[in-house]
């Protein structure tokens, strides 16, 4: 199994503070019922980082929530 690192995520999100906010918000979304966008048997925060590194989630302009691919399909 490949390891996820902050450096992998920073290839997608260059601000490490924004990266942490995105991961936290994504974990909150899991707890609200959102499904994970990548296969992972890891803890929620690791799954969130895997999604960020894979480019499956993006910050919105005001960083209030994390947009997922599902959000784009709904529009």
Protein backbone atom coordinates (compact mmCIF):
# COMPACT_ATOMS: atom_id res chain seq x y z
CA UNK A 1 0.00 0.00 0.00
CA UNK A 2 1.32 3.43 -0.93
CA UNK A 3 1.91 5.90 1.86
CA UNK A 4 0.36 9.34 1.71
CA UNK A 5 2.45 12.34 2.64
CA UNK A 6 1.78 16.02 3.02
CA UNK A 7 4.16 16.57 0.09
CA UNK A 8 1.83 14.51 -2.13
CA UNK A 9 -1.06 16.76 -1.17
CA UNK A 10 0.95 19.96 -1.58
CA UNK A 11 1.36 19.16 -5.27
CA UNK A 12 -2.38 19.96 -5.48
CA UNK A 13 -2.74 22.54 -2.67
CA UNK A 14 0.31 24.71 -2.09
CA UNK A 15 -0.88 26.26 1.20
CA UNK A 16 -0.42 23.77 4.06
CA UNK A 17 -2.89 25.62 6.29
CA UNK A 18 -5.56 25.40 3.60
CA UNK A 19 -4.67 21.73 3.20
CA UNK A 20 -5.38 21.11 6.89
CA UNK A 21 -8.67 23.01 6.67
CA UNK A 22 -9.69 20.97 3.63
CA UNK A 23 -8.92 17.67 5.36
CA UNK A 24 -10.87 18.70 8.48
CA UNK A 25 -13.86 19.84 6.45
CA UNK A 26 -13.81 16.62 4.45
CA UNK A 27 -13.80 14.54 7.65
CA UNK A 28 -16.84 16.52 8.82
CA UNK A 29 -18.51 15.73 5.50
CA UNK A 30 -17.92 11.99 6.04
CA UNK A 31 -19.56 12.26 9.42
CA UNK A 32 -22.55 14.02 7.81
CA UNK A 33 -22.99 11.08 5.44
CA UNK A 34 -20.83 11.87 2.40
CA UNK A 35 -19.17 8.86 0.79
CA UNK A 36 -15.41 8.61 0.31
CA UNK A 37 -14.25 9.22 -3.27
CA UNK A 38 -11.29 6.82 -3.05
CA UNK A 39 -11.03 3.28 -1.76
CA UNK A 40 -9.39 3.38 1.64
CA UNK A 41 -9.47 1.29 4.78
CA UNK A 42 -7.66 4.00 6.70
CA UNK A 43 -8.92 6.51 9.22
CA UNK A 44 -11.04 9.39 7.96
CA UNK A 45 -8.24 11.96 7.96
CA UNK A 46 -5.96 9.71 5.89
CA UNK A 47 -8.80 9.06 3.45
CA UNK A 48 -9.34 12.82 3.16
CA UNK A 49 -5.64 13.35 2.42
CA UNK A 50 -5.74 10.58 -0.20
CA UNK A 51 -8.67 12.33 -1.90
CA UNK A 52 -6.82 15.66 -1.89
CA UNK A 53 -3.64 14.09 -3.30
CA UNK A 54 -5.71 12.39 -6.03
CA UNK A 55 -7.33 15.69 -6.98
CA UNK A 56 -10.81 14.44 -6.06
CA UNK A 57 -11.58 17.40 -3.79
CA UNK A 58 -10.86 21.09 -4.30
CA UNK A 59 -11.21 24.17 -2.10
CA UNK A 60 -13.93 26.63 -3.01
CA UNK A 61 -13.00 30.28 -3.51
CA UNK A 62 -13.83 31.22 0.08
CA UNK A 63 -12.72 27.88 1.61
CA UNK A 64 -15.99 27.44 3.48
CA UNK A 65 -16.47 23.89 2.26
CA UNK A 66 -14.75 21.36 0.08
CA UNK A 67 -16.11 20.74 -3.39
CA UNK A 68 -16.21 17.14 -4.57
CA UNK A 69 -16.58 15.68 -8.04
CA UNK A 70 -20.21 14.96 -7.13
CA UNK A 71 -20.82 18.68 -6.60
CA UNK A 72 -19.60 19.40 -10.12
CA UNK A 73 -21.85 16.71 -11.61
CA UNK A 74 -24.89 18.18 -9.86
CA UNK A 75 -24.42 21.55 -11.58
